């Protein structure tokens, strides 16, 4: 799971098995030492996955783009997540030359 520190905006990658699924915790940012809350219950109803509820993200959580379904199981797809339009274009051209279908999501999400 990716969480973002609300104080310094550092993006933290925390393995799912290290986060609780049934209670809230406070996470300490390694960059600025700010503590912020994480509550997995705030994002789902019983039996659903995080992000399935349509609720606004909790402080510190990062919204991820919706997954698209592949039309053909043999199609190689790539998601290009770069801020610079110039870098996006170069990356998209290189991926297409390798046989990938490159998707560039609209930002901000």
Protein backbone atom coordinates (compact mmCIF):
# COMPACT_ATOMS: atom_id res chain seq x y z
CA UNK A 1 0.00 0.00 0.00
CA UNK A 2 1.16 3.52 -0.71
CA UNK A 3 0.53 6.20 1.91
CA UNK A 4 1.49 9.87 1.75
CA UNK A 5 2.66 11.84 4.75
CA UNK A 6 0.31 14.84 5.09
CA UNK A 7 3.11 16.98 6.57
CA UNK A 8 5.94 16.55 4.05
CA UNK A 9 4.11 14.67 1.24
CA UNK A 10 6.69 11.86 1.23
CA UNK A 11 5.24 8.76 -0.42
CA UNK A 12 5.63 5.69 1.76
CA UNK A 13 5.38 2.13 0.49
CA UNK A 14 4.24 -0.19 3.25
CA UNK A 15 3.70 -3.92 2.64
CA UNK A 16 0.04 -4.88 3.02
CA UNK A 17 0.91 -7.57 5.54
CA UNK A 18 2.43 -4.89 7.84
CA UNK A 19 -0.81 -2.88 8.06
CA UNK A 20 -3.75 -3.97 10.22
CA UNK A 21 -7.10 -4.67 8.60
CA UNK A 22 -9.31 -4.29 11.67
CA UNK A 23 -8.10 -1.27 13.65
CA UNK A 24 -6.59 2.19 13.28
CA UNK A 25 -2.89 2.91 13.78
CA UNK A 26 -0.62 5.93 13.73
CA UNK A 27 2.25 5.86 11.26
CA UNK A 28 5.48 7.81 11.75
CA UNK A 29 6.97 9.31 8.60
CA UNK A 30 10.66 8.38 8.37
CA UNK A 31 11.45 11.65 6.57
CA UNK A 32 9.92 14.25 8.92
CA UNK A 33 8.93 12.15 11.98
CA UNK A 34 5.34 13.43 11.73
CA UNK A 35 2.75 10.92 12.95
CA UNK A 36 -0.47 10.50 11.01
CA UNK A 37 -3.47 8.17 11.29
CA UNK A 38 -4.30 5.21 9.06
CA UNK A 39 -7.63 3.44 9.48
CA UNK A 40 -8.46 0.68 6.97
CA UNK A 41 -12.07 0.58 8.20
CA UNK A 42 -12.69 4.10 6.91
CA UNK A 43 -12.45 2.92 3.30
CA UNK A 44 -14.48 -0.23 3.05
CA UNK A 45 -17.62 -1.95 4.04
CA UNK A 46 -17.55 -5.53 5.30
CA UNK A 47 -16.44 -7.81 2.50
CA UNK A 48 -15.16 -5.11 0.16
CA UNK A 49 -11.62 -4.13 -0.76
CA UNK A 50 -10.02 -0.76 -0.06
CA UNK A 51 -11.13 1.78 -2.63
CA UNK A 52 -14.35 -0.07 -3.58
CA UNK A 53 -16.63 2.18 -1.51
CA UNK A 54 -16.27 5.34 -3.56
CA UNK A 55 -15.50 7.32 -0.40
CA UNK A 56 -12.98 10.12 -0.43
CA UNK A 57 -9.48 8.97 0.53
CA UNK A 58 -8.44 9.25 4.19
CA UNK A 59 -5.63 11.68 5.04
CA UNK A 60 -2.37 10.09 4.02
CA UNK A 61 -3.87 7.72 1.44
CA UNK A 62 -3.12 7.92 -2.26
CA UNK A 63 -5.90 7.41 -4.80
CA UNK A 64 -5.02 4.97 -7.54
CA UNK A 65 -6.48 5.06 -11.04
CA UNK A 66 -9.23 2.58 -11.88
CA UNK A 67 -8.03 -0.56 -13.61
CA UNK A 68 -9.09 -1.07 -17.17
CA UNK A 69 -9.88 -4.50 -18.49
CA UNK A 70 -7.78 -5.87 -21.30
CA UNK A 71 -9.64 -6.50 -24.53
CA UNK A 72 -7.17 -9.18 -25.57
CA UNK A 73 -5.25 -11.32 -23.09
CA UNK A 74 -2.27 -11.31 -25.47
CA UNK A 75 -2.02 -7.52 -25.65
CA UNK A 76 0.88 -6.07 -23.70
CA UNK A 77 -0.20 -2.96 -21.84
CA UNK A 78 1.79 -0.29 -20.02
CA UNK A 79 0.68 2.55 -17.75
CA UNK A 80 2.83 5.67 -18.15
CA UNK A 81 2.88 7.79 -14.97
CA UNK A 82 5.19 10.70 -15.72
CA UNK A 83 4.48 14.40 -15.09
CA UNK A 84 6.34 15.82 -18.07
CA UNK A 85 4.45 15.68 -21.40
CA UNK A 86 7.80 15.40 -23.21
CA UNK A 87 8.82 12.38 -21.11
CA UNK A 88 5.35 10.87 -21.57
CA UNK A 89 5.64 11.12 -25.35
CA UNK A 90 9.14 9.59 -25.45
CA UNK A 91 8.12 6.77 -23.11
CA UNK A 92 4.93 6.10 -25.08
CA UNK A 93 6.86 5.96 -28.38
CA UNK A 94 9.44 3.56 -26.96
CA UNK A 95 6.78 1.28 -25.48
CA UNK A 96 4.84 1.25 -28.74
CA UNK A 97 8.00 0.33 -30.64
CA UNK A 98 8.29 -2.68 -28.31
CA UNK A 99 4.71 -3.75 -29.04
CA UNK A 100 2.96 -2.30 -25.97
CA UNK A 101 -0.26 -0.34 -25.83
CA UNK A 102 0.68 2.61 -23.62
CA UNK A 103 -1.94 4.44 -21.54
CA UNK A 104 -1.30 7.86 -20.03
CA UNK A 105 -3.87 8.71 -17.31
CA UNK A 106 -5.25 12.22 -16.95
CA UNK A 107 -3.67 13.96 -13.95
CA UNK A 108 -4.57 14.95 -11.32
CA UNK A 109 -6.63 11.90 -10.42
